[in-house]
Protein backbone atom coordinates (compact mmCIF):
# COMPACT_ATOMS: atom_id res chain seq x y z
CA MET A 1 0.00 0.00 0.00
CA THR A 2 1.43 3.39 -0.99
CA GLU A 3 1.44 6.53 1.11
CA GLN A 4 -1.13 7.98 -1.29
CA ASP A 5 -3.42 4.99 -0.65
CA LEU A 6 -3.02 5.41 3.11
CA LEU A 7 -4.24 8.99 3.05
CA ASP A 8 -6.82 8.81 0.25
CA LYS A 9 -9.07 11.77 1.03
CA LYS A 10 -12.07 10.30 -0.77
CA MET A 11 -11.87 6.98 1.07
CA ILE A 12 -11.49 8.74 4.41
CA GLY A 13 -14.57 10.80 3.52
CA ARG A 14 -16.53 7.68 2.57
CA ARG A 15 -15.69 6.05 5.90
CA MET A 16 -16.79 9.22 7.73
CA ALA A 17 -20.03 9.35 5.72
CA ARG A 18 -20.78 5.73 6.63
CA TYR A 19 -20.73 6.58 10.35
CA ARG A 20 -22.72 9.80 9.90
CA LEU A 21 -25.39 8.04 7.86
CA ASP A 22 -25.58 5.12 10.29
CA ALA A 23 -26.19 7.69 13.04
CA LYS A 24 -28.91 9.31 10.91
CA LEU A 25 -27.24 12.72 11.24
CA SER A 26 -27.10 15.35 8.54
CA GLN A 27 -23.75 16.85 7.59
CA LYS A 28 -24.83 20.10 9.26
CA GLU A 29 -25.79 18.34 12.52
CA LEU A 30 -22.51 16.45 12.70
CA ALA A 31 -20.49 19.56 11.78
CA LYS A 32 -22.13 21.42 14.66
CA ILE A 33 -21.39 18.57 17.08
CA LEU A 34 -17.77 18.51 15.90
CA GLY A 35 -17.48 22.29 16.24
CA VAL A 36 -16.67 23.00 12.60
CA SER A 37 -18.55 24.75 9.84
CA TRP A 38 -20.77 22.69 7.59
CA ARG A 39 -18.58 23.62 4.61
CA VAL A 40 -15.39 22.37 6.29
CA TYR A 41 -17.06 19.09 7.23
CA GLN A 42 -18.67 18.68 3.82
CA THR A 43 -15.39 19.16 1.94
CA CYS A 44 -13.73 16.54 4.16
CA GLU A 45 -16.54 14.05 3.62
CA VAL A 46 -16.46 14.40 -0.18
CA GLY A 47 -12.67 14.16 -0.21
CA GLN A 48 -11.81 17.72 -1.24
CA ARG A 49 -9.62 18.29 1.82
CA TYR A 50 -7.75 16.28 4.40
CA VAL A 51 -9.50 15.74 7.71
CA SER A 52 -8.12 17.78 10.61
CA ALA A 53 -6.91 16.17 13.81
CA SER A 54 -9.81 17.75 15.73
CA ILE A 55 -12.37 16.15 13.40
CA LEU A 56 -10.61 12.78 13.67
CA LEU A 57 -10.61 13.03 17.47
CA GLY A 58 -14.26 14.09 17.42
CA PHE A 59 -15.16 11.03 15.35
CA HIS A 60 -13.21 8.84 17.74
CA ASN A 61 -14.93 10.35 20.79
CA ILE A 62 -18.44 10.31 19.35
CA PHE A 63 -18.47 6.99 17.52
CA HIS A 64 -15.59 5.18 19.25
CA VAL A 65 -14.14 4.52 15.83
CA SER A 66 -10.47 3.76 15.38
CA ILE A 67 -8.54 6.70 13.94
CA GLU A 68 -6.29 4.20 12.16
CA TRP A 69 -9.34 2.70 10.47
CA LEU A 70 -10.71 6.12 9.49
CA LEU A 71 -7.40 7.07 7.87
CA THR A 72 -6.39 3.78 6.28
CA GLY A 73 -9.28 1.32 6.40
CA ASP A 74 -6.91 -1.06 8.22
CA GLY A 75 -7.33 -2.52 11.67
CA SER A 76 -10.43 -2.72 13.78
CA ARG A 77 -13.18 -0.14 13.30
CA GLN A 78 -13.94 0.09 17.00
CA SER A 79 -13.14 -1.60 20.23
CA ALA A 80 -16.63 -2.56 21.40
CA PRO A 81 -19.28 -3.10 18.67
CA TRP A 82 -22.26 -2.43 20.96
CA VAL A 83 -20.88 0.97 21.95
CA LYS A 84 -21.44 2.63 18.57
CA GLU A 85 -25.17 1.97 18.44
CA ASN A 86 -25.75 3.05 22.03
CA ILE A 87 -23.48 6.08 22.07
CA THR A 88 -24.83 7.28 18.74
CA HIS A 89 -28.37 7.17 20.12
CA VAL A 90 -27.24 8.98 23.27
CA ALA A 91 -25.30 11.60 21.26
CA LYS A 92 -28.34 12.37 19.08
CA GLN A 93 -30.58 12.72 22.13
CA ILE A 94 -28.07 15.02 23.85
CA TYR A 95 -27.76 17.10 20.67
CA ARG A 96 -31.54 17.51 20.38
CA GLU A 97 -32.03 18.38 24.06
CA LEU A 98 -29.17 20.87 24.19
CA SER A 99 -30.29 22.45 20.91
CA ALA A 100 -33.73 23.04 22.45
CA SER A 101 -32.28 24.35 25.71
CA PRO A 102 -32.60 28.11 26.36
CA THR A 103 -28.83 28.34 26.92
CA GLY A 104 -28.17 26.70 23.56
CA LEU A 105 -25.75 24.13 22.26
CA THR A 106 -22.01 24.59 22.55
CA VAL A 107 -19.28 22.11 21.80
CA GLU A 108 -18.14 22.31 25.42
CA LYS A 109 -21.61 21.52 26.78
CA PHE A 110 -22.13 18.72 24.29
CA ASN A 111 -18.78 17.15 25.16
CA LEU A 112 -19.43 17.51 28.89
CA VAL A 113 -22.76 15.69 28.63
CA LEU A 114 -21.48 13.09 26.18
CA ASP A 115 -18.47 12.29 28.39
CA ALA A 116 -20.68 11.77 31.44
CA ALA A 117 -23.20 9.68 29.53
CA ALA A 118 -20.49 7.62 27.80
CA GLU A 119 -18.79 6.92 31.12
CA GLN A 120 -22.03 5.58 32.54
CA LEU A 121 -22.83 3.66 29.36
CA LEU A 122 -19.42 2.01 29.32
CA SER A 123 -19.46 1.15 33.01
CA GLU A 124 -23.07 -0.05 33.25
CA GLY A 125 -23.88 -1.07 29.68
CA HIS A 126 -26.96 1.15 29.46
CA ILE A 127 -28.28 4.60 30.27
CA GLU A 128 -31.84 5.69 30.92
CA GLN A 129 -33.50 8.61 29.13
CA SER A 130 -34.04 10.37 32.47
CA GLU A 131 -30.31 10.18 33.19
CA ILE A 132 -29.48 11.79 29.84
CA ALA A 133 -31.89 14.59 30.71
CA LYS A 134 -30.16 15.01 34.07
CA TYR A 135 -26.74 15.35 32.39
CA VAL A 136 -28.16 17.86 29.89
CA ALA A 137 -29.69 19.93 32.71
CA LEU A 138 -26.34 20.00 34.52
CA ALA A 139 -24.49 21.06 31.38
CA ALA A 140 -27.04 23.77 30.63
CA THR A 141 -26.22 25.42 33.96
CA ALA A 142 -22.45 25.00 33.51
């Protein structure tokens, strides 16, 4: 495999799109969650630019996807298959609740809530809707 193959912008974008579509998020929704403009995200996903480190880390944190796999297609996609489905559902719920909150959605608030929810999800294997709402309420006052 050549260096060009390893960093094929279009293939990286296709792998990103697969996760976004599986999560049933629009490009604009995911761009907002990642803290980048829609245009920046969109040009990465269609392979017109290389993906920044912050977007790669955001994908890793949100979807628990391997950065190696995103960049090269090699290795394991993620460490725990059940995590993606659950954390994606939780992330979408957090996004919707924070977006509707009077204090609004910020990347910091989203990450704060997602980290707390993910910690509980990983330690207990599930999270209740009422607990997500509790985390959102705490972040809204932060």
